Amino acid sequence: MSRGYRHGFCCVGFMEHKPRWAEMCARILQQCEVVRGGRESLAAFLEVHPHDLALWLTGKNGPPRPVFEKAMEIILAEHDRRAAVEASATIPRRRRTDR
């Protein structure tokens, strides 16, 4: 029962061409752009050309898997940084009159 199409799992670069994958990557890369302080800084960190990064930020095409994994490292590091800041914040003790 062949329908004349190939499923993407056997294709090289499968994930880079799926619309939802590209849209998700674009959102992640947008967050990374803010965390890293701009597009050029992010492109340098990811070791990609700014033009490629601009294409991926549109959500029309996703980055290669290694670039996505580096972007996720940025997100996870920022999450860890925020958690550490939150954990180190001292919670004011309650006053006797607050009871």
PDB file of N, CA and C in Angstrom:
ATOM      1  N   MET A   1       0.831  -1.183   0.000  1.00  0.00           N
ATOM      2  CA  MET A   1       0.000   0.000   0.000  1.00  0.00           C
ATOM      3  C   MET A   1       0.875   1.246   0.000  1.00  0.00           C
ATOM      4  N   SER A   2       1.589   1.453  -1.063  1.00  0.00           N
ATOM      5  CA  SER A   2       2.483   2.588  -1.186  1.00  0.00           C
ATOM      6  C   SER A   2       1.700   3.824  -1.643  1.00  0.00           C
ATOM      7  N   ARG A   3       1.959   4.910  -0.984  1.00  0.00           N
ATOM      8  CA  ARG A   3       1.254   6.145  -1.335  1.00  0.00           C
ATOM      9  C   ARG A   3       2.154   7.104  -2.099  1.00  0.00           C
ATOM     10  N   GLY A   4       3.349   6.660  -2.437  1.00  0.00           N
ATOM     11  CA  GLY A   4       4.218   7.483  -3.257  1.00  0.00           C
ATOM     12  C   GLY A   4       4.929   8.603  -2.502  1.00  0.00           C
ATOM     13  N   TYR A   5       5.133   8.459  -1.182  1.00  0.00           N
ATOM     14  CA  TYR A   5       5.885   9.466  -0.450  1.00  0.00           C
ATOM     15  C   TYR A   5       6.878   8.771   0.465  1.00  0.00           C
ATOM     16  N   ARG A   6       7.892   9.508   0.828  1.00  0.00           N
ATOM     17  CA  ARG A   6       8.894   8.976   1.751  1.00  0.00           C
ATOM     18  C   ARG A   6       8.663   9.622   3.103  1.00  0.00           C
ATOM     19  N   HIS A   7       8.740   8.821   4.127  1.00  0.00           N
ATOM     20  CA  HIS A   7       8.686   9.462   5.435  1.00  0.00           C
ATOM     21  C   HIS A   7      10.081   9.979   5.752  1.00  0.00           C
ATOM     22  N   GLY A   8      10.156  11.022   6.543  1.00  0.00           N
ATOM     23  CA  GLY A   8      11.397  11.740   6.766  1.00  0.00           C
ATOM     24  C   GLY A   8      12.425  11.059   7.638  1.00  0.00           C
ATOM     25  N   PHE A   9      12.091   9.975   8.323  1.00  0.00           N
ATOM     26  CA  PHE A   9      13.023   9.398   9.268  1.00  0.00           C
ATOM     27  C   PHE A   9      14.268   8.835   8.605  1.00  0.00           C
ATOM     28  N   CYS A  10      14.204   8.488   7.362  1.00  0.00           N
ATOM     29  CA  CYS A  10      15.373   7.938   6.692  1.00  0.00           C
ATOM     30  C   CYS A  10      16.140   9.008   5.929  1.00  0.00           C
ATOM     31  N   CYS A  11      15.642  10.210   5.913  1.00  0.00           N
ATOM     32  CA  CYS A  11      16.249  11.268   5.109  1.00  0.00           C
ATOM     33  C   CYS A  11      17.299  12.021   5.926  1.00  0.00           C
ATOM     34  N   VAL A  12      18.397  12.391   5.299  1.00  0.00           N
ATOM     35  CA  VAL A  12      19.411  13.201   5.939  1.00  0.00           C
ATOM     36  C   VAL A  12      18.844  14.597   6.124  1.00  0.00           C
ATOM     37  N   GLY A  13      19.071  15.169   7.289  1.00  0.00           N
ATOM     38  CA  GLY A  13      18.578  16.508   7.547  1.00  0.00           C
ATOM     39  C   GLY A  13      17.087  16.579   7.811  1.00  0.00           C
ATOM     40  N   PHE A  14      16.501  15.478   8.215  1.00  0.00           N
ATOM     41  CA  PHE A  14      15.055  15.390   8.432  1.00  0.00           C
ATOM     42  C   PHE A  14      14.530  16.520   9.315  1.00  0.00           C
ATOM     43  N   MET A  15      15.147  16.717  10.468  1.00  0.00           N
ATOM     44  CA  MET A  15      14.613  17.663  11.437  1.00  0.00           C
ATOM     45  C   MET A  15      14.717  19.105  10.960  1.00  0.00           C
ATOM     46  N   GLU A  16      15.703  19.415  10.140  1.00  0.00           N
ATOM     47  CA  GLU A  16      15.890  20.791   9.715  1.00  0.00           C
ATOM     48  C   GLU A  16      14.766  21.295   8.819  1.00  0.00           C
ATOM     49  N   HIS A  17      13.971  20.407   8.253  1.00  0.00           N
ATOM     50  CA  HIS A  17      12.969  20.814   7.267  1.00  0.00           C
ATOM     51  C   HIS A  17      11.531  20.684   7.748  1.00  0.00           C
ATOM     52  N   LYS A  18      11.311  20.288   8.977  1.00  0.00           N
ATOM     53  CA  LYS A  18       9.958  20.171   9.500  1.00  0.00           C
ATOM     54  C   LYS A  18       9.487  21.525  10.013  1.00  0.00           C
ATOM     55  N   PRO A  19       8.312  21.981   9.611  1.00  0.00           N
ATOM     56  CA  PRO A  19       7.845  23.320  10.009  1.00  0.00           C
ATOM     57  C   PRO A  19       7.769  23.539  11.513  1.00  0.00           C
ATOM     58  N   ARG A  20       7.229  22.601  12.249  1.00  0.00           N
ATOM     59  CA  ARG A  20       7.118  22.793  13.700  1.00  0.00           C
ATOM     60  C   ARG A  20       8.486  22.826  14.355  1.00  0.00           C
ATOM     61  N   TRP A  21       9.382  21.991  13.867  1.00  0.00           N
ATOM     62  CA  TRP A  21      10.755  21.988  14.369  1.00  0.00           C
ATOM     63  C   TRP A  21      11.387  23.365  14.134  1.00  0.00           C
ATOM     64  N   ALA A  22      11.232  23.890  12.942  1.00  0.00           N
ATOM     65  CA  ALA A  22      11.816  25.184  12.598  1.00  0.00           C
ATOM     66  C   ALA A  22      11.221  26.298  13.457  1.00  0.00           C
ATOM     67  N   GLU A  23       9.917  26.265  13.689  1.00  0.00           N
ATOM     68  CA  GLU A  23       9.268  27.281  14.506  1.00  0.00           C
ATOM     69  C   GLU A  23       9.739  27.202  15.950  1.00  0.00           C
ATOM     70  N   MET A  24       9.866  25.992  16.486  1.00  0.00           N
ATOM     71  CA  MET A  24      10.336  25.815  17.856  1.00  0.00           C
ATOM     72  C   MET A  24      11.776  26.314  17.979  1.00  0.00           C
ATOM     73  N   CYS A  25      12.603  25.976  17.013  1.00  0.00           N
ATOM     74  CA  CYS A  25      13.994  26.423  17.026  1.00  0.00           C
ATOM     75  C   CYS A  25      14.079  27.941  16.948  1.00  0.00           C
ATOM     76  N   ALA A  26      13.227  28.546  16.149  1.00  0.00           N
ATOM     77  CA  ALA A  26      13.231  30.004  16.029  1.00  0.00           C
ATOM     78  C   ALA A  26      12.933  30.650  17.373  1.00  0.00           C
ATOM     79  N   ARG A  27      11.971  30.121  18.107  1.00  0.00           N
ATOM     80  CA  ARG A  27      11.629  30.666  19.428  1.00  0.00           C
ATOM     81  C   ARG A  27      12.795  30.517  20.397  1.00  0.00           C
ATOM     82  N   ILE A  28      13.434  29.367  20.364  1.00  0.00           N
ATOM     83  CA  ILE A  28      14.583  29.124  21.239  1.00  0.00           C
ATOM     84  C   ILE A  28      15.725  30.068  20.864  1.00  0.00           C
ATOM     85  N   LEU A  29      15.987  30.208  19.572  1.00  0.00           N
ATOM     86  CA  LEU A  29      17.061  31.085  19.128  1.00  0.00           C
ATOM     87  C   LEU A  29      16.768  32.546  19.462  1.00  0.00           C
ATOM     88  N   GLN A  30      15.496  32.947  19.424  1.00  0.00           N
ATOM     89  CA  GLN A  30      15.133  34.310  19.813  1.00  0.00           C
ATOM     90  C   GLN A  30      15.456  34.544  21.288  1.00  0.00           C
ATOM     91  N   GLN A  31      15.156  33.553  22.112  1.00  0.00           N
ATOM     92  CA  GLN A  31      15.484  33.671  23.537  1.00  0.00           C
ATOM     93  C   GLN A  31      16.997  33.727  23.733  1.00  0.00           C
ATOM     94  N   CYS A  32      17.717  32.915  22.984  1.00  0.00           N
ATOM     95  CA  CYS A  32      19.181  32.906  23.067  1.00  0.00           C
ATOM     96  C   CYS A  32      19.768  34.237  22.633  1.00  0.00           C
ATOM     97  N   GLU A  33      19.157  34.850  21.638  1.00  0.00           N
ATOM     98  CA  GLU A  33      19.604  36.145  21.146  1.00  0.00           C
ATOM     99  C   GLU A  33      19.542  37.180  22.269  1.00  0.00           C
ATOM    100  N   VAL A  34      18.483  37.139  23.053  1.00  0.00           N
ATOM    101  CA  VAL A  34      18.339  38.070  24.176  1.00  0.00           C
ATOM    102  C   VAL A  34      19.375  37.761  25.250  1.00  0.00           C
ATOM    103  N   VAL A  35      19.524  36.492  25.590  1.00  0.00           N
ATOM    104  CA  VAL A  35      20.453  36.087  26.648  1.00  0.00           C
ATOM    105  C   VAL A  35      21.893  36.445  26.274  1.00  0.00           C
ATOM    106  N   ARG A  36      22.260  36.212  25.014  1.00  0.00           N
ATOM    107  CA  ARG A  36      23.638  36.465  24.568  1.00  0.00           C
ATOM    108  C   ARG A  36      23.899  37.924  24.223  1.00  0.00           C
ATOM    109  N   GLY A  37      22.860  38.746  24.190  1.00  0.00           N
ATOM    110  CA  GLY A  37      23.062  40.165  23.968  1.00  0.00           C
ATOM    111  C   GLY A  37      23.110  40.596  22.512  1.00  0.00           C
ATOM    112  N   GLY A  38      22.494  39.833  21.639  1.00  0.00           N
ATOM    113  CA  GLY A  38      22.411  40.254  20.244  1.00  0.00           C
ATOM    114  C   GLY A  38      22.717  39.137  19.276  1.00  0.00           C
ATOM    115  N   ARG A  39      22.373  39.403  18.036  1.00  0.00           N
ATOM    116  CA  ARG A  39      22.501  38.399  16.981  1.00  0.00           C
ATOM    117  C   ARG A  39      23.959  38.049  16.676  1.00  0.00           C
ATOM    118  N   GLU A  40      24.816  39.072  16.594  1.00  0.00           N
ATOM    119  CA  GLU A  40      26.216  38.813  16.265  1.00  0.00           C
ATOM    120  C   GLU A  40      26.889  37.986  17.356  1.00  0.00           C
ATOM    121  N   SER A  41      26.598  38.319  18.604  1.00  0.00           N
ATOM    122  CA  SER A  41      27.164  37.575  19.726  1.00  0.00           C
ATOM    123  C   SER A  41      26.692  36.121  19.713  1.00  0.00           C
ATOM    124  N   LEU A  42      25.412  35.938  19.433  1.00  0.00           N
ATOM    125  CA  LEU A  42      24.874  34.580  19.370  1.00  0.00           C
ATOM    126  C   LEU A  42      25.482  33.809  18.212  1.00  0.00           C
ATOM    127  N   ALA A  43      25.595  34.428  17.062  1.00  0.00           N
ATOM    128  CA  ALA A  43      26.188  33.760  15.902  1.00  0.00           C
ATOM    129  C   ALA A  43      27.623  33.346  16.195  1.00  0.00           C
ATOM    130  N   ALA A  44      28.370  34.211  16.860  1.00  0.00           N
ATOM    131  CA  ALA A  44      29.753  33.882  17.210  1.00  0.00           C
ATOM    132  C   ALA A  44      29.796  32.706  18.182  1.00  0.00           C
ATOM    133  N   PHE A  45      28.907  32.717  19.185  1.00  0.00           N
ATOM    134  CA  PHE A  45      28.875  31.620  20.145  1.00  0.00           C
ATOM    135  C   PHE A  45      28.518  30.297  19.470  1.00  0.00           C
ATOM    136  N   LEU A  46      27.540  30.348  18.568  1.00  0.00           N
ATOM    137  CA  LEU A  46      27.100  29.136  17.875  1.00  0.00           C
ATOM    138  C   LEU A  46      28.056  28.736  16.742  1.00  0.00           C
ATOM    139  N   GLU A  47      29.006  29.621  16.435  1.00  0.00           N
ATOM    140  CA  GLU A  47      29.976  29.398  15.362  1.00  0.00           C
ATOM    141  C   GLU A  47      29.287  29.209  14.011  1.00  0.00           C
ATOM    142  N   VAL A  48      28.335  30.133  13.723  1.00  0.00           N
ATOM    143  CA  VAL A  48      27.621  30.123  12.447  1.00  0.00           C
ATOM    144  C   VAL A  48      27.665  31.523  11.845  1.00  0.00           C
ATOM    145  N   HIS A  49      27.393  31.612  10.578  1.00  0.00           N
ATOM    146  CA  HIS A  49      27.344  32.913   9.904  1.00  0.00           C
ATOM    147  C   HIS A  49      26.053  33.624  10.326  1.00  0.00           C
ATOM    148  N   PRO A  50      26.116  34.932  10.604  1.00  0.00           N
ATOM    149  CA  PRO A  50      24.908  35.672  10.998  1.00  0.00           C
ATOM    150  C   PRO A  50      23.757  35.543   9.991  1.00  0.00           C
ATOM    151  N   HIS A  51      24.079  35.386   8.707  1.00  0.00           N
ATOM    152  CA  HIS A  51      23.038  35.213   7.695  1.00  0.00           C
ATOM    153  C   HIS A  51      22.261  33.910   7.928  1.00  0.00           C
ATOM    154  N   ASP A  52      22.979  32.832   8.260  1.00  0.00           N
ATOM    155  CA  ASP A  52      22.313  31.560   8.557  1.00  0.00           C
ATOM    156  C   ASP A  52      21.426  31.696   9.786  1.00  0.00           C
ATOM    157  N   LEU A  53      21.960  32.361  10.808  1.00  0.00           N
ATOM    158  CA  LEU A  53      21.186  32.567  12.026  1.00  0.00           C
ATOM    159  C   LEU A  53      19.921  33.362  11.734  1.00  0.00           C
ATOM    160  N   ALA A  54      20.038  34.398  10.910  1.00  0.00           N
ATOM    161  CA  ALA A  54      18.866  35.207  10.543  1.00  0.00           C
ATOM    162  C   ALA A  54      17.811  34.352   9.847  1.00  0.00           C
ATOM    163  N   LEU A  55      18.237  33.433   9.005  1.00  0.00           N
ATOM    164  CA  LEU A  55      17.307  32.524   8.324  1.00  0.00           C
ATOM    165  C   LEU A  55      16.590  31.632   9.330  1.00  0.00           C
ATOM    166  N   TRP A  56      17.321  31.086  10.272  1.00  0.00           N
ATOM    167  CA  TRP A  56      16.709  30.202  11.275  1.00  0.00           C
ATOM    168  C   TRP A  56      15.769  30.968  12.196  1.00  0.00           C
ATOM    169  N   LEU A  57      16.087  32.235  12.456  1.00  0.00           N
ATOM    170  CA  LEU A  57      15.226  33.044  13.320  1.00  0.00           C
ATOM    171  C   LEU A  57      13.870  33.330  12.679  1.00  0.00           C
ATOM    172  N   THR A  58      13.768  33.213  11.363  1.00  0.00           N
ATOM    173  CA  THR A  58      12.479  33.427  10.702  1.00  0.00           C
ATOM    174  C   THR A  58      11.531  32.260  10.919  1.00  0.00           C
ATOM    175  N   GLY A  59      12.066  31.092  11.264  1.00  0.00           N
ATOM    176  CA  GLY A  59      11.232  29.915  11.479  1.00  0.00           C
ATOM    177  C   GLY A  59      10.872  29.187  10.200  1.00  0.00           C
ATOM    178  N   LYS A  60      11.481  29.554   9.101  1.00  0.00           N
ATOM    179  CA  LYS A  60      11.194  28.868   7.836  1.00  0.00           C
ATOM    180  C   LYS A  60      12.045  27.627   7.652  1.00  0.00           C
ATOM    181  N   ASN A  61      13.150  27.592   8.352  1.00  0.00           N
ATOM    182  CA  ASN A  61      14.049  26.454   8.272  1.00  0.00           C
ATOM    183  C   ASN A  61      14.754  26.334   9.611  1.00  0.00           C
ATOM    184  N   GLY A  62      14.974  25.133  10.061  1.00  0.00           N
ATOM    185  CA  GLY A  62      15.627  24.926  11.341  1.00  0.00           C
ATOM    186  C   GLY A  62      17.122  24.747  11.194  1.00  0.00           C
ATOM    187  N   PRO A  63      17.849  24.968  12.283  1.00  0.00           N
ATOM    188  CA  PRO A  63      19.300  24.806  12.246  1.00  0.00           C
ATOM    189  C   PRO A  63      19.691  23.329  12.278  1.00  0.00           C
ATOM    190  N   PRO A  64      20.939  23.044  11.963  1.00  0.00           N
ATOM    191  CA  PRO A  64      21.421  21.671  12.131  1.00  0.00           C
ATOM    192  C   PRO A  64      21.380  21.271  13.608  1.00  0.00           C
ATOM    193  N   ARG A  65      21.305  20.005  13.856  1.00  0.00           N
ATOM    194  CA  ARG A  65      21.180  19.498  15.221  1.00  0.00           C
ATOM    195  C   ARG A  65      22.275  20.006  16.167  1.00  0.00           C
ATOM    196  N   PRO A  66      23.556  20.033  15.756  1.00  0.00           N
ATOM    197  CA  PRO A  66      24.588  20.532  16.682  1.00  0.00           C
ATOM    198  C   PRO A  66      24.373  21.995  17.085  1.00  0.00           C
ATOM    199  N   VAL A  67      23.869  22.809  16.186  1.00  0.00           N
ATOM    200  CA  VAL A  67      23.595  24.215  16.500  1.00  0.00           C
ATOM    201  C   VAL A  67      22.435  24.297  17.488  1.00  0.00           C
ATOM    202  N   PHE A  68      21.408  23.485  17.268  1.00  0.00           N
ATOM    203  CA  PHE A  68      20.270  23.451  18.189  1.00  0.00           C
ATOM    204  C   PHE A  68      20.734  23.048  19.585  1.00  0.00           C
ATOM    205  N   GLU A  69      21.611  22.059  19.663  1.00  0.00           N
ATOM    206  CA  GLU A  69      22.086  21.598  20.972  1.00  0.00           C
ATOM    207  C   GLU A  69      22.884  22.685  21.688  1.00  0.00           C
ATOM    208  N   LYS A  70      23.681  23.457  20.960  1.00  0.00           N
ATOM    209  CA  LYS A  70      24.407  24.570  21.584  1.00  0.00           C
ATOM    210  C   LYS A  70      23.439  25.641  22.065  1.00  0.00           C
ATOM    211  N   ALA A  71      22.386  25.885  21.303  1.00  0.00           N
ATOM    212  CA  ALA A  71      21.379  26.861  21.719  1.00  0.00           C
ATOM    213  C   ALA A  71      20.694  26.397  23.002  1.00  0.00           C
ATOM    214  N   MET A  72      20.429  25.115  23.091  1.00  0.00           N
ATOM    215  CA  MET A  72      19.803  24.589  24.308  1.00  0.00           C
ATOM    216  C   MET A  72      20.732  24.718  25.506  1.00  0.00           C
ATOM    217  N   GLU A  73      22.031  24.635  25.283  1.00  0.00           N
ATOM    218  CA  GLU A  73      22.990  24.848  26.371  1.00  0.00           C
ATOM    219  C   GLU A  73      22.850  26.260  26.932  1.00  0.00           C
ATOM    220  N   ILE A  74      22.614  27.229  26.058  1.00  0.00           N
ATOM    221  CA  ILE A  74      22.417  28.617  26.499  1.00  0.00           C
ATOM    222  C   ILE A  74      21.178  28.712  27.379  1.00  0.00           C
ATOM    223  N   ILE A  75      20.091  28.111  26.916  1.00  0.00           N
ATOM    224  CA  ILE A  75      18.822  28.161  27.662  1.00  0.00           C
ATOM    225  C   ILE A  75      18.975  27.484  29.020  1.00  0.00           C
ATOM    226  N   LEU A  76      19.587  26.321  29.037  1.00  0.00           N
ATOM    227  CA  LEU A  76      19.750  25.586  30.297  1.00  0.00           C
ATOM    228  C   LEU A  76      20.685  26.322  31.254  1.00  0.00           C
ATOM    229  N   ALA A  77      21.748  26.926  30.736  1.00  0.00           N
ATOM    230  CA  ALA A  77      22.659  27.691  31.588  1.00  0.00           C
ATOM    231  C   ALA A  77      21.942  28.900  32.193  1.00  0.00           C
ATOM    232  N   GLU A  78      21.107  29.563  31.404  1.00  0.00           N
ATOM    233  CA  GLU A  78      20.344  30.699  31.919  1.00  0.00           C
ATOM    234  C   GLU A  78      19.340  30.239  32.975  1.00  0.00           C
ATOM    235  N   HIS A  79      18.725  29.101  32.751  1.00  0.00           N
ATOM    236  CA  HIS A  79      17.801  28.551  33.750  1.00  0.00           C
ATOM    237  C   HIS A  79      18.542  28.276  35.057  1.00  0.00           C
ATOM    238  N   ASP A  80      19.712  27.650  34.959  1.00  0.00           N
ATOM    239  CA  ASP A  80      20.499  27.359  36.154  1.00  0.00           C
ATOM    240  C   ASP A  80      20.935  28.640  36.854  1.00  0.00           C
ATOM    241  N   ARG A  81      21.321  29.655  36.080  1.00  0.00           N
ATOM    242  CA  ARG A  81      21.731  30.930  36.665  1.00  0.00           C
ATOM    243  C   ARG A  81      20.583  31.571  37.436  1.00  0.00           C
ATOM    244  N   ARG A  82      19.395  31.572  36.822  1.00  0.00           N
ATOM    245  CA  ARG A  82      18.234  32.170  37.496  1.00  0.00           C
ATOM    246  C   ARG A  82      17.838  31.391  38.743  1.00  0.00           C
ATOM    247  N   ALA A  83      17.928  30.078  38.678  1.00  0.00           N
ATOM    248  CA  ALA A  83      17.600  29.251  39.847  1.00  0.00           C
ATOM    249  C   ALA A  83      18.573  29.525  40.987  1.00  0.00           C
ATOM    250  N   ALA A  84      19.850  29.702  40.665  1.00  0.00           N
ATOM    251  CA  ALA A  84      20.845  29.995  41.691  1.00  0.00           C
ATOM    252  C   ALA A  84      20.604  31.352  42.328  1.00  0.00           C
ATOM    253  N   VAL A  85      20.250  32.338  41.503  1.00  0.00           N
ATOM    254  CA  VAL A  85      19.950  33.672  42.034  1.00  0.00           C
ATOM    255  C   VAL A  85      18.738  33.604  42.951  1.00  0.00           C
ATOM    256  N   GLU A  86      17.732  32.889  42.509  1.00  0.00           N
ATOM    257  CA  GLU A  86      16.514  32.757  43.315  1.00  0.00           C
ATOM    258  C   GLU A  86      16.785  32.019  44.621  1.00  0.00           C
ATOM    259  N   ALA A  87      17.593  30.984  44.563  1.00  0.00           N
ATOM    260  CA  ALA A  87      17.898  30.204  45.759  1.00  0.00           C
ATOM    261  C   ALA A  87      18.746  31.000  46.751  1.00  0.00           C
ATOM    262  N   SER A  88      19.587  31.892  46.242  1.00  0.00           N
ATOM    263  CA  SER A  88      20.462  32.653  47.133  1.00  0.00           C
ATOM    264  C   SER A  88      19.771  33.874  47.728  1.00  0.00           C
ATOM    265  N   ALA A  89      18.619  34.227  47.196  1.00  0.00           N
ATOM    266  CA  ALA A  89      17.891  35.386  47.724  1.00  0.00           C
ATOM    267  C   ALA A  89      17.397  35.060  49.125  1.00  0.00           C
ATOM    268  N   THR A  90      17.665  35.957  50.033  1.00  0.00           N
ATOM    269  CA  THR A  90      17.219  35.726  51.403  1.00  0.00           C
ATOM    270  C   THR A  90      15.765  36.128  51.538  1.00  0.00           C
ATOM    271  N   ILE A  91      15.033  35.289  52.177  1.00  0.00           N
ATOM    272  CA  ILE A  91      13.618  35.558  52.424  1.00  0.00           C
ATOM    273  C   ILE A  91      13.527  36.274  53.768  1.00  0.00           C
ATOM    274  N   PRO A  92      12.915  37.438  53.772  1.00  0.00           N
ATOM    275  CA  PRO A  92      12.843  38.165  55.039  1.00  0.00           C
ATOM    276  C   PRO A  92      12.056  37.372  56.087  1.00  0.00           C
ATOM    277  N   ARG A  93      12.571  37.424  57.284  1.00  0.00           N
ATOM    278  CA  ARG A  93      11.892  36.718  58.371  1.00  0.00           C
ATOM    279  C   ARG A  93      10.629  37.471  58.754  1.00  0.00           C
ATOM    280  N   ARG A  94       9.671  36.718  59.171  1.00  0.00           N
ATOM    281  CA  ARG A  94       8.410  37.337  59.592  1.00  0.00           C
ATOM    282  C   ARG A  94       8.580  38.061  60.920  1.00  0.00           C
ATOM    283  N   ARG A  95       7.882  39.159  61.031  1.00  0.00           N
ATOM    284  CA  ARG A  95       7.879  39.889  62.293  1.00  0.00           C
ATOM    285  C   ARG A  95       6.803  39.297  63.191  1.00  0.00           C
ATOM    286  N   ARG A  96       6.956  39.478  64.436  1.00  0.00           N
ATOM    287  CA  ARG A  96       5.968  38.968  65.391  1.00  0.00           C
ATOM    288  C   ARG A  96       4.593  39.578  65.121  1.00  0.00           C
ATOM    289  N   THR A  97       4.567  40.798  64.630  1.00  0.00           N
ATOM    290  CA  THR A  97       3.284  41.475  64.406  1.00  0.00           C
ATOM    291  C   THR A  97       2.571  40.975  63.169  1.00  0.00           C
ATOM    292  N   ASP A  98       3.248  40.183  62.306  1.00  0.00           N
ATOM    293  CA  ASP A  98       2.639  39.681  61.063  1.00  0.00           C
ATOM    294  C   ASP A  98       1.777  38.447  61.302  1.00  0.00           C
ATOM    295  N   ARG A  99       1.758  37.911  62.477  1.00  0.00           N
ATOM    296  CA  ARG A  99       1.017  36.689  62.747  1.00  0.00           C
ATOM    297  C   ARG A  99      -0.428  36.881  62.667  1.00  0.00           C
TER     298      ARG A  99
END
